[in-house]
C-alpha cells in the first residue's frame, strides 16, 4: 500500500481506478426524478398524483391535526376488525408481500418509466430484469419462502412462549439483574 507518494506494490481494484467503466458511466448523484418545480420537463400524471397525495397529507396534518388523527384511528380500527389481521402469520405475510412487491417494482421500473436508467447509479439499463422470479429464484422467492417457513415453525413449536409470557409480558434478558 502506498504511503506519501510511494508506488503501491498492490494493484488497485478496477472499480477504484479513474478509468473504470463504472466511473465513466456513473450517473451524477444529484440527478433526481422530475418534480413539481422542473417546468421544462414533461410531467407524468402518476408522479403529479403521488406528489399531490403527499402534499395533501402533510397539509392536512398541519392544518387539521385532529381530523388526520381521527382518520388514522378509524383506518386502524377498521383493520383491527378484520379477522385475518389477527392470524399469527399475518405480519410475516405482509413483510414478505412488501419485499416481493418492491423487488418487482424496482426490477420492472424501466418497463414503464421512460429513461429510468438515468436514475441508476451505473446509468445503464438492467442486464437481466425480473430474472429473480425466473431462472434465479434463489434471489427473491427462496428467501421469502424460507422466512415464511421459519416463522411458521417458530409459532408451531411454541418458541414465542420462551420469550413472551402472555400474562407477565416479555421475560427478562439473560444478563439482566432483577431488582
N, C-alpha and C. Protein backbone atom coordinates (compact mmCIF):
# COMPACT_ATOMS: atom_id res chain seq x y z
N UNK A 1 0.86 -1.17 0.00
CA UNK A 1 0.00 0.00 0.00
C UNK A 1 0.90 1.23 0.00
N UNK A 2 0.57 2.21 -0.80
CA UNK A 2 1.40 3.39 -0.96
C UNK A 2 1.24 4.34 0.22
N UNK A 3 2.35 4.96 0.59
CA UNK A 3 2.32 5.99 1.62
C UNK A 3 3.13 7.17 1.14
N UNK A 4 2.59 8.35 1.20
CA UNK A 4 3.24 9.61 0.84
C UNK A 4 3.90 9.57 -0.53
N UNK A 5 3.16 9.19 -1.53
CA UNK A 5 3.65 9.25 -2.89
C UNK A 5 4.45 8.04 -3.34
N UNK A 6 4.72 7.10 -2.49
CA UNK A 6 5.46 5.91 -2.89
C UNK A 6 4.56 5.03 -3.76
N UNK A 7 5.15 4.30 -4.67
CA UNK A 7 4.38 3.43 -5.55
C UNK A 7 3.83 2.27 -4.76
N UNK A 8 2.62 1.86 -5.09
CA UNK A 8 1.98 0.75 -4.40
C UNK A 8 2.45 -0.57 -4.99
N UNK A 9 2.65 -1.54 -4.13
CA UNK A 9 3.01 -2.87 -4.59
C UNK A 9 1.78 -3.70 -4.90
N UNK A 10 0.63 -3.28 -4.38
CA UNK A 10 -0.62 -4.00 -4.63
C UNK A 10 -1.37 -3.32 -5.76
N UNK A 11 -1.90 -4.08 -6.72
CA UNK A 11 -2.66 -3.45 -7.81
C UNK A 11 -3.98 -2.89 -7.28
N UNK A 12 -4.39 -1.79 -7.84
CA UNK A 12 -5.65 -1.17 -7.46
C UNK A 12 -6.80 -1.90 -8.13
N UNK A 13 -7.87 -2.20 -7.38
CA UNK A 13 -9.01 -2.87 -8.00
C UNK A 13 -9.58 -2.02 -9.13
N UNK A 14 -10.16 -2.68 -10.12
CA UNK A 14 -10.66 -2.00 -11.31
C UNK A 14 -11.76 -1.00 -10.97
N UNK A 15 -12.59 -1.31 -9.96
CA UNK A 15 -13.70 -0.41 -9.68
C UNK A 15 -13.25 0.87 -8.98
N UNK A 16 -11.99 0.94 -8.54
CA UNK A 16 -11.48 2.15 -7.91
C UNK A 16 -10.65 3.00 -8.86
N UNK A 17 -10.27 2.47 -10.02
CA UNK A 17 -9.45 3.22 -10.96
C UNK A 17 -10.27 4.32 -11.63
N UNK A 18 -9.61 5.41 -11.98
CA UNK A 18 -10.30 6.52 -12.63
C UNK A 18 -10.79 6.15 -14.02
N UNK A 19 -10.19 5.15 -14.65
CA UNK A 19 -10.60 4.75 -16.00
C UNK A 19 -11.60 3.62 -15.97
N UNK A 20 -12.10 3.29 -14.81
CA UNK A 20 -13.04 2.19 -14.68
C UNK A 20 -14.32 2.51 -15.44
N UNK A 21 -14.95 1.46 -16.01
CA UNK A 21 -16.21 1.66 -16.72
C UNK A 21 -17.32 2.09 -15.77
N UNK A 22 -17.19 1.75 -14.50
CA UNK A 22 -18.21 2.17 -13.55
C UNK A 22 -18.19 3.68 -13.34
N UNK A 23 -17.01 4.26 -13.30
CA UNK A 23 -16.95 5.71 -13.08
C UNK A 23 -17.25 6.47 -14.36
N UNK A 24 -16.97 5.90 -15.52
CA UNK A 24 -17.26 6.60 -16.77
C UNK A 24 -18.75 6.66 -17.04
N UNK A 25 -19.50 5.65 -16.62
CA UNK A 25 -20.93 5.59 -16.91
C UNK A 25 -21.79 5.96 -15.71
N UNK A 26 -21.17 6.33 -14.61
CA UNK A 26 -21.95 6.61 -13.41
C UNK A 26 -22.77 7.88 -13.59
N UNK A 27 -24.01 7.82 -13.14
CA UNK A 27 -24.88 9.00 -13.19
C UNK A 27 -24.53 9.89 -12.01
N UNK A 28 -24.63 11.20 -12.16
CA UNK A 28 -24.35 12.08 -11.03
C UNK A 28 -25.35 11.83 -9.91
N UNK A 29 -24.89 11.94 -8.66
CA UNK A 29 -25.74 11.63 -7.53
C UNK A 29 -26.83 12.67 -7.32
N UNK A 30 -26.68 13.85 -7.91
CA UNK A 30 -27.69 14.88 -7.71
C UNK A 30 -28.87 14.75 -8.68
N UNK A 31 -28.83 13.76 -9.56
CA UNK A 31 -29.92 13.57 -10.51
C UNK A 31 -31.13 13.01 -9.76
N UNK A 32 -32.23 13.70 -9.86
CA UNK A 32 -33.46 13.28 -9.21
C UNK A 32 -34.56 13.17 -10.25
N UNK A 33 -35.59 12.36 -9.99
CA UNK A 33 -36.71 12.31 -10.92
C UNK A 33 -37.37 13.69 -11.04
N UNK A 34 -38.10 13.88 -12.14
CA UNK A 34 -38.75 15.16 -12.36
C UNK A 34 -39.69 15.49 -11.22
N UNK A 35 -39.69 16.71 -10.79
CA UNK A 35 -40.54 17.14 -9.69
C UNK A 35 -41.50 18.23 -10.13
N UNK A 36 -42.16 18.81 -9.17
CA UNK A 36 -43.13 19.86 -9.45
C UNK A 36 -42.45 21.12 -9.98
N UNK A 37 -41.18 21.33 -9.65
CA UNK A 37 -40.52 22.57 -9.98
C UNK A 37 -39.72 22.49 -11.27
N UNK A 38 -39.66 21.35 -11.92
CA UNK A 38 -38.94 21.21 -13.19
C UNK A 38 -39.95 21.45 -14.32
N UNK A 39 -40.24 22.68 -14.61
CA UNK A 39 -41.29 23.03 -15.57
C UNK A 39 -40.89 22.75 -17.02
N UNK A 40 -39.58 22.65 -17.30
CA UNK A 40 -39.17 22.44 -18.68
C UNK A 40 -39.19 20.96 -19.07
N UNK A 41 -39.49 20.08 -18.12
CA UNK A 41 -39.51 18.64 -18.38
C UNK A 41 -40.96 18.16 -18.38
N UNK A 42 -41.25 17.08 -19.10
CA UNK A 42 -42.63 16.54 -19.10
C UNK A 42 -43.00 15.97 -17.74
N UNK A 43 -44.24 16.18 -17.34
CA UNK A 43 -44.72 15.70 -16.05
C UNK A 43 -45.55 14.44 -16.24
N UNK A 44 -45.26 13.41 -15.47
CA UNK A 44 -46.04 12.19 -15.51
C UNK A 44 -47.28 12.37 -14.63
N UNK A 45 -48.45 11.95 -15.07
CA UNK A 45 -49.65 12.07 -14.22
C UNK A 45 -49.51 11.27 -12.93
N UNK A 46 -48.83 10.13 -12.98
CA UNK A 46 -48.62 9.34 -11.77
C UNK A 46 -47.74 10.09 -10.78
N UNK A 47 -46.67 10.71 -11.28
CA UNK A 47 -45.79 11.48 -10.41
C UNK A 47 -46.54 12.65 -9.79
N UNK A 48 -47.30 13.38 -10.60
CA UNK A 48 -48.06 14.51 -10.07
C UNK A 48 -49.10 14.05 -9.05
N UNK A 49 -49.74 12.93 -9.31
CA UNK A 49 -50.73 12.40 -8.36
C UNK A 49 -50.10 12.01 -7.04
N UNK A 50 -48.95 11.35 -7.09
CA UNK A 50 -48.27 10.96 -5.85
C UNK A 50 -47.78 12.19 -5.08
N UNK A 51 -47.27 13.18 -5.79
CA UNK A 51 -46.82 14.40 -5.13
C UNK A 51 -48.00 15.13 -4.49
N UNK A 52 -49.13 15.17 -5.18
CA UNK A 52 -50.32 15.82 -4.64
C UNK A 52 -50.83 15.08 -3.41
N UNK A 53 -50.79 13.76 -3.43
CA UNK A 53 -51.24 12.96 -2.29
C UNK A 53 -50.37 13.22 -1.07
N UNK A 54 -49.05 13.23 -1.27
CA UNK A 54 -48.15 13.50 -0.15
C UNK A 54 -48.32 14.93 0.36
N UNK A 55 -48.48 15.87 -0.56
CA UNK A 55 -48.68 17.26 -0.16
C UNK A 55 -49.98 17.44 0.62
N UNK A 56 -51.05 16.79 0.17
CA UNK A 56 -52.34 16.89 0.86
C UNK A 56 -52.26 16.28 2.26
N UNK A 57 -51.57 15.15 2.39
CA UNK A 57 -51.43 14.53 3.71
C UNK A 57 -50.62 15.41 4.65
N UNK A 58 -49.53 16.00 4.17
CA UNK A 58 -48.73 16.89 5.01
C UNK A 58 -49.51 18.15 5.38
N UNK A 59 -50.22 18.72 4.41
CA UNK A 59 -51.02 19.92 4.68
C UNK A 59 -52.15 19.61 5.66
N UNK A 60 -52.77 18.46 5.50
CA UNK A 60 -53.84 18.07 6.42
C UNK A 60 -53.33 17.86 7.84
N UNK A 61 -52.13 17.33 7.98
CA UNK A 61 -51.57 17.12 9.32
C UNK A 61 -51.24 18.45 9.99
N UNK A 62 -50.88 19.47 9.19
CA UNK A 62 -50.55 20.77 9.76
C UNK A 62 -51.82 21.59 10.03
N UNK A 63 -52.73 21.58 9.07
CA UNK A 63 -53.92 22.43 9.17
C UNK A 63 -54.95 21.84 10.13
N UNK A 64 -55.20 20.55 10.04
CA UNK A 64 -56.24 19.90 10.86
C UNK A 64 -55.69 18.61 11.47
N UNK A 65 -54.83 18.73 12.47
CA UNK A 65 -54.25 17.50 13.05
C UNK A 65 -55.27 16.59 13.72
N UNK A 66 -56.33 17.17 14.30
CA UNK A 66 -57.35 16.33 14.94
C UNK A 66 -58.10 15.50 13.91
N UNK A 67 -58.38 16.08 12.77
CA UNK A 67 -59.07 15.36 11.70
C UNK A 67 -58.19 14.23 11.17
N UNK A 68 -56.91 14.53 10.93
CA UNK A 68 -55.99 13.49 10.46
C UNK A 68 -55.83 12.38 11.49
N UNK A 69 -55.82 12.76 12.76
CA UNK A 69 -55.71 11.76 13.82
C UNK A 69 -56.94 10.86 13.85
N UNK A 70 -58.12 11.44 13.68
CA UNK A 70 -59.34 10.62 13.69
C UNK A 70 -59.41 9.75 12.44
N UNK A 71 -58.94 10.25 11.28
CA UNK A 71 -58.89 9.42 10.07
C UNK A 71 -57.96 8.23 10.25
N UNK A 72 -56.79 8.48 10.84
CA UNK A 72 -55.84 7.39 11.10
C UNK A 72 -56.42 6.40 12.09
N UNK A 73 -57.07 6.89 13.14
CA UNK A 73 -57.67 5.99 14.13
C UNK A 73 -58.78 5.15 13.53
N UNK A 74 -59.61 5.74 12.67
CA UNK A 74 -60.69 4.96 12.05
C UNK A 74 -60.14 3.92 11.08
N UNK A 75 -59.08 4.28 10.35
CA UNK A 75 -58.44 3.31 9.46
C UNK A 75 -57.86 2.16 10.27
N UNK A 76 -57.20 2.47 11.38
CA UNK A 76 -56.61 1.43 12.22
C UNK A 76 -57.68 0.54 12.84
N UNK A 77 -58.78 1.14 13.31
CA UNK A 77 -59.83 0.32 13.92
C UNK A 77 -60.51 -0.57 12.88
N UNK A 78 -60.61 -0.09 11.63
CA UNK A 78 -61.19 -0.95 10.59
C UNK A 78 -60.26 -2.12 10.29
N UNK A 79 -58.95 -1.90 10.37
CA UNK A 79 -58.02 -3.02 10.20
C UNK A 79 -58.14 -4.01 11.34
N UNK A 80 -58.34 -3.52 12.55
CA UNK A 80 -58.43 -4.40 13.71
C UNK A 80 -59.69 -5.26 13.70
N UNK A 81 -60.74 -4.82 13.00
CA UNK A 81 -61.98 -5.61 12.96
C UNK A 81 -61.92 -6.75 11.96
N UNK A 82 -60.94 -6.72 11.07
CA UNK A 82 -60.82 -7.79 10.07
C UNK A 82 -60.18 -9.02 10.73
N UNK A 83 -60.81 -10.18 10.63
CA UNK A 83 -60.30 -11.36 11.35
C UNK A 83 -58.94 -11.84 10.86
N UNK A 84 -58.65 -11.68 9.58
CA UNK A 84 -57.37 -12.22 9.09
C UNK A 84 -56.17 -11.44 9.63
N UNK A 85 -56.38 -10.22 10.13
CA UNK A 85 -55.25 -9.47 10.68
C UNK A 85 -54.79 -10.02 12.03
N UNK A 86 -55.57 -10.89 12.62
CA UNK A 86 -55.21 -11.48 13.91
C UNK A 86 -54.57 -12.86 13.76
N UNK A 87 -54.41 -13.32 12.55
CA UNK A 87 -53.75 -14.61 12.31
C UNK A 87 -52.27 -14.48 12.63
N UNK A 88 -51.68 -15.51 13.19
CA UNK A 88 -50.28 -15.43 13.62
C UNK A 88 -49.30 -15.26 12.46
N UNK A 89 -49.71 -15.58 11.24
CA UNK A 89 -48.82 -15.42 10.09
C UNK A 89 -49.07 -14.12 9.32
N UNK A 90 -50.00 -13.28 9.78
CA UNK A 90 -50.35 -12.08 9.04
C UNK A 90 -49.16 -11.13 8.90
N UNK A 91 -48.46 -10.86 9.99
CA UNK A 91 -47.34 -9.91 9.93
C UNK A 91 -46.24 -10.43 9.01
N UNK A 92 -45.96 -11.73 9.07
CA UNK A 92 -44.94 -12.30 8.20
C UNK A 92 -45.36 -12.22 6.73
N UNK A 93 -46.63 -12.45 6.46
CA UNK A 93 -47.11 -12.37 5.07
C UNK A 93 -47.06 -10.94 4.55
N UNK A 94 -47.36 -9.96 5.41
CA UNK A 94 -47.25 -8.56 5.00
C UNK A 94 -45.80 -8.21 4.70
N UNK A 95 -44.87 -8.68 5.54
CA UNK A 95 -43.45 -8.39 5.32
C UNK A 95 -42.97 -9.01 4.01
N UNK A 96 -43.32 -10.26 3.75
CA UNK A 96 -42.91 -10.92 2.52
C UNK A 96 -43.58 -10.26 1.31
N UNK A 97 -44.86 -9.91 1.46
CA UNK A 97 -45.54 -9.23 0.37
C UNK A 97 -44.88 -7.90 0.03
N UNK A 98 -44.51 -7.15 1.04
CA UNK A 98 -43.80 -5.89 0.81
C UNK A 98 -42.47 -6.11 0.13
N UNK A 99 -41.74 -7.13 0.55
CA UNK A 99 -40.46 -7.46 -0.07
C UNK A 99 -40.65 -7.79 -1.55
N UNK A 100 -41.58 -8.67 -1.84
CA UNK A 100 -41.80 -9.11 -3.23
C UNK A 100 -42.31 -7.95 -4.09
N UNK A 101 -43.23 -7.15 -3.56
CA UNK A 101 -43.77 -6.03 -4.34
C UNK A 101 -42.68 -5.03 -4.69
N UNK A 102 -41.82 -4.69 -3.72
CA UNK A 102 -40.77 -3.71 -4.01
C UNK A 102 -39.72 -4.27 -4.96
N UNK A 103 -39.40 -5.55 -4.83
CA UNK A 103 -38.45 -6.14 -5.78
C UNK A 103 -39.05 -6.12 -7.19
N UNK A 104 -40.32 -6.51 -7.31
CA UNK A 104 -40.99 -6.45 -8.62
C UNK A 104 -41.02 -5.02 -9.17
N UNK A 105 -41.32 -4.06 -8.29
CA UNK A 105 -41.41 -2.67 -8.74
C UNK A 105 -40.06 -2.18 -9.28
N UNK A 106 -39.00 -2.37 -8.52
CA UNK A 106 -37.71 -1.84 -8.95
C UNK A 106 -37.09 -2.66 -10.08
N UNK A 107 -37.42 -3.94 -10.17
CA UNK A 107 -36.91 -4.74 -11.28
C UNK A 107 -37.62 -4.40 -12.59
N UNK A 108 -38.86 -3.90 -12.51
CA UNK A 108 -39.61 -3.59 -13.72
C UNK A 108 -39.77 -2.08 -13.95
N UNK A 109 -39.09 -1.27 -13.18
CA UNK A 109 -39.23 0.17 -13.29
C UNK A 109 -38.92 0.68 -14.69
N UNK A 110 -37.93 0.10 -15.33
CA UNK A 110 -37.54 0.55 -16.68
C UNK A 110 -38.59 0.22 -17.73
N UNK A 111 -39.53 -0.67 -17.42
CA UNK A 111 -40.56 -1.04 -18.39
C UNK A 111 -41.65 0.01 -18.53
N UNK A 112 -41.89 0.81 -17.47
CA UNK A 112 -42.96 1.81 -17.55
C UNK A 112 -42.48 3.23 -17.28
N UNK A 113 -41.23 3.44 -16.88
CA UNK A 113 -40.70 4.78 -16.68
C UNK A 113 -39.69 5.07 -17.78
N UNK A 114 -39.99 6.02 -18.65
CA UNK A 114 -39.06 6.32 -19.73
C UNK A 114 -37.72 6.81 -19.18
N UNK A 115 -36.65 6.33 -19.76
CA UNK A 115 -35.29 6.71 -19.39
C UNK A 115 -35.00 6.46 -17.91
N UNK A 116 -35.49 5.36 -17.37
CA UNK A 116 -35.27 5.05 -15.96
C UNK A 116 -33.80 4.81 -15.65
N UNK A 117 -33.03 4.42 -16.65
CA UNK A 117 -31.62 4.14 -16.40
C UNK A 117 -30.86 5.41 -16.00
N UNK A 118 -31.41 6.57 -16.28
CA UNK A 118 -30.75 7.82 -15.87
C UNK A 118 -30.64 7.92 -14.36
N UNK A 119 -31.54 7.26 -13.63
CA UNK A 119 -31.58 7.36 -12.18
C UNK A 119 -30.84 6.22 -11.49
N UNK A 120 -30.28 5.31 -12.26
CA UNK A 120 -29.47 4.24 -11.69
C UNK A 120 -28.07 4.75 -11.45
N UNK A 121 -27.37 4.17 -10.48
CA UNK A 121 -26.01 4.61 -10.17
C UNK A 121 -25.06 4.33 -11.32
N UNK A 122 -25.25 3.24 -12.06
CA UNK A 122 -24.36 2.95 -13.18
C UNK A 122 -24.82 3.58 -14.48
N UNK A 123 -26.04 4.11 -14.52
CA UNK A 123 -26.54 4.79 -15.71
C UNK A 123 -26.89 3.87 -16.86
N UNK A 124 -26.97 2.56 -16.62
CA UNK A 124 -27.26 1.58 -17.67
C UNK A 124 -28.59 0.90 -17.41
N UNK A 125 -29.17 0.32 -18.48
CA UNK A 125 -30.38 -0.48 -18.30
C UNK A 125 -30.03 -1.77 -17.56
N UNK A 126 -30.98 -2.37 -16.84
CA UNK A 126 -30.70 -3.62 -16.16
C UNK A 126 -30.32 -4.73 -17.15
N UNK A 127 -29.38 -5.57 -16.75
CA UNK A 127 -28.92 -6.64 -17.64
C UNK A 127 -29.93 -7.78 -17.73
N UNK A 128 -30.43 -8.23 -16.58
CA UNK A 128 -31.36 -9.35 -16.54
C UNK A 128 -32.56 -8.99 -15.66
N UNK A 129 -33.44 -8.11 -16.14
CA UNK A 129 -34.56 -7.72 -15.29
C UNK A 129 -35.51 -8.88 -15.06
N UNK A 130 -36.03 -8.96 -13.87
CA UNK A 130 -37.01 -9.95 -13.43
C UNK A 130 -36.49 -11.38 -13.48
N UNK A 131 -35.19 -11.57 -13.59
CA UNK A 131 -34.63 -12.93 -13.55
C UNK A 131 -34.74 -13.53 -12.16
N UNK A 132 -34.91 -12.67 -11.14
CA UNK A 132 -35.03 -13.21 -9.78
C UNK A 132 -36.38 -13.90 -9.57
N UNK A 133 -37.28 -13.79 -10.53
CA UNK A 133 -38.55 -14.52 -10.47
C UNK A 133 -38.62 -15.62 -11.52
N UNK A 134 -37.54 -15.84 -12.22
CA UNK A 134 -37.47 -16.89 -13.23
C UNK A 134 -36.33 -17.83 -12.93
N UNK A 135 -35.26 -17.73 -13.70
CA UNK A 135 -34.16 -18.67 -13.51
C UNK A 135 -33.37 -18.45 -12.23
N UNK A 136 -33.47 -17.28 -11.61
CA UNK A 136 -32.69 -17.00 -10.40
C UNK A 136 -33.61 -16.87 -9.19
N UNK A 137 -34.39 -17.90 -8.90
CA UNK A 137 -35.34 -17.86 -7.79
C UNK A 137 -34.65 -17.72 -6.43
N UNK A 138 -33.39 -18.10 -6.35
CA UNK A 138 -32.69 -18.01 -5.07
C UNK A 138 -32.50 -16.58 -4.61
N UNK A 139 -32.77 -15.60 -5.47
CA UNK A 139 -32.59 -14.20 -5.09
C UNK A 139 -33.85 -13.56 -4.52
N UNK A 140 -35.02 -14.13 -4.75
CA UNK A 140 -36.24 -13.50 -4.25
C UNK A 140 -37.20 -14.49 -3.62
N UNK A 141 -37.57 -15.50 -4.35
CA UNK A 141 -38.61 -16.41 -3.87
C UNK A 141 -38.11 -17.31 -2.75
N UNK A 142 -36.91 -17.82 -2.90
CA UNK A 142 -36.37 -18.72 -1.86
C UNK A 142 -36.23 -18.00 -0.51
N UNK A 143 -35.69 -16.77 -0.44
CA UNK A 143 -35.66 -16.10 0.86
C UNK A 143 -37.05 -15.84 1.43
N UNK A 144 -38.01 -15.50 0.57
CA UNK A 144 -39.36 -15.24 1.05
C UNK A 144 -40.00 -16.50 1.62
N UNK A 145 -39.89 -17.60 0.91
CA UNK A 145 -40.46 -18.86 1.39
C UNK A 145 -39.75 -19.33 2.65
N UNK A 146 -38.44 -19.16 2.70
CA UNK A 146 -37.67 -19.55 3.88
C UNK A 146 -38.10 -18.74 5.09
N UNK A 147 -38.28 -17.45 4.91
CA UNK A 147 -38.73 -16.60 6.01
C UNK A 147 -40.10 -17.03 6.51
N UNK A 148 -41.05 -17.24 5.59
CA UNK A 148 -42.39 -17.66 5.98
C UNK A 148 -42.36 -19.01 6.71
N UNK A 149 -41.56 -19.94 6.19
CA UNK A 149 -41.46 -21.26 6.83
C UNK A 149 -40.86 -21.14 8.22
N UNK A 150 -39.83 -20.31 8.39
CA UNK A 150 -39.21 -20.17 9.71
C UNK A 150 -40.18 -19.56 10.71
N UNK A 151 -41.00 -18.60 10.29
CA UNK A 151 -41.99 -18.01 11.19
C UNK A 151 -43.07 -19.04 11.53
N UNK A 152 -43.46 -19.85 10.55
CA UNK A 152 -44.45 -20.89 10.80
C UNK A 152 -43.92 -21.89 11.83
N UNK A 153 -42.68 -22.32 11.64
CA UNK A 153 -42.06 -23.26 12.60
C UNK A 153 -41.93 -22.62 13.97
N UNK A 154 -41.56 -21.34 14.01
CA UNK A 154 -41.44 -20.59 15.27
C UNK A 154 -42.75 -20.67 16.06
N UNK A 155 -43.87 -20.44 15.38
CA UNK A 155 -45.16 -20.48 16.06
C UNK A 155 -45.61 -21.92 16.33
N UNK A 156 -45.34 -22.82 15.40
CA UNK A 156 -45.76 -24.21 15.57
C UNK A 156 -45.07 -24.87 16.76
N UNK A 157 -43.79 -24.57 16.97
CA UNK A 157 -43.05 -25.14 18.09
C UNK A 157 -43.29 -24.40 19.40
N UNK A 158 -43.98 -23.28 19.34
CA UNK A 158 -44.26 -22.53 20.55
C UNK A 158 -43.06 -21.77 21.09
N UNK A 159 -42.16 -21.38 20.23
CA UNK A 159 -40.96 -20.67 20.67
C UNK A 159 -41.27 -19.28 21.20
N UNK A 160 -42.37 -18.70 20.80
CA UNK A 160 -42.72 -17.36 21.27
C UNK A 160 -42.93 -17.34 22.78
N UNK A 161 -43.43 -18.46 23.33
CA UNK A 161 -43.65 -18.51 24.78
C UNK A 161 -42.34 -18.53 25.55
N UNK A 162 -41.23 -18.85 24.88
CA UNK A 162 -39.94 -18.79 25.55
C UNK A 162 -39.48 -17.35 25.77
N UNK A 163 -39.94 -16.45 24.94
CA UNK A 163 -39.56 -15.04 25.06
C UNK A 163 -40.64 -14.18 25.70
N UNK A 164 -41.92 -14.54 25.49
CA UNK A 164 -43.01 -13.71 25.97
C UNK A 164 -43.99 -14.54 26.78
N UNK A 165 -44.29 -14.06 27.97
CA UNK A 165 -45.31 -14.67 28.81
C UNK A 165 -46.60 -13.92 28.54
N UNK A 166 -47.70 -14.62 28.18
CA UNK A 166 -48.93 -13.90 27.83
C UNK A 166 -49.48 -13.05 28.97
N UNK A 167 -49.17 -13.39 30.21
CA UNK A 167 -49.71 -12.63 31.35
C UNK A 167 -48.74 -11.56 31.81
N UNK A 168 -47.46 -11.94 31.97
CA UNK A 168 -46.48 -11.01 32.55
C UNK A 168 -45.77 -10.15 31.52
N UNK A 169 -45.88 -10.47 30.24
CA UNK A 169 -45.19 -9.70 29.21
C UNK A 169 -43.82 -10.30 28.91
N UNK A 170 -42.91 -9.49 28.35
CA UNK A 170 -41.59 -10.02 27.97
C UNK A 170 -40.81 -10.51 29.19
N UNK A 171 -40.13 -11.65 29.00
CA UNK A 171 -39.28 -12.17 30.07
C UNK A 171 -37.99 -11.38 30.11
N UNK A 172 -37.33 -11.31 31.27
CA UNK A 172 -36.09 -10.53 31.37
C UNK A 172 -34.99 -11.14 30.53
N UNK A 173 -34.06 -10.29 30.11
CA UNK A 173 -32.94 -10.75 29.32
C UNK A 173 -32.02 -11.63 30.17
N UNK A 174 -31.14 -12.39 29.51
CA UNK A 174 -30.26 -13.33 30.21
C UNK A 174 -29.35 -12.60 31.19
N UNK A 175 -28.80 -11.47 30.78
CA UNK A 175 -27.83 -10.76 31.62
C UNK A 175 -28.47 -9.68 32.48
N UNK A 176 -29.79 -9.61 32.50
CA UNK A 176 -30.46 -8.60 33.29
C UNK A 176 -30.54 -9.06 34.75
N UNK A 177 -30.21 -8.16 35.65
CA UNK A 177 -30.26 -8.46 37.07
C UNK A 177 -31.61 -7.99 37.60
N UNK A 178 -32.43 -8.91 38.15
CA UNK A 178 -33.73 -8.48 38.66
C UNK A 178 -33.55 -7.57 39.88
N UNK A 179 -34.33 -6.53 39.93
CA UNK A 179 -34.25 -5.61 41.07
C UNK A 179 -35.51 -5.63 41.88
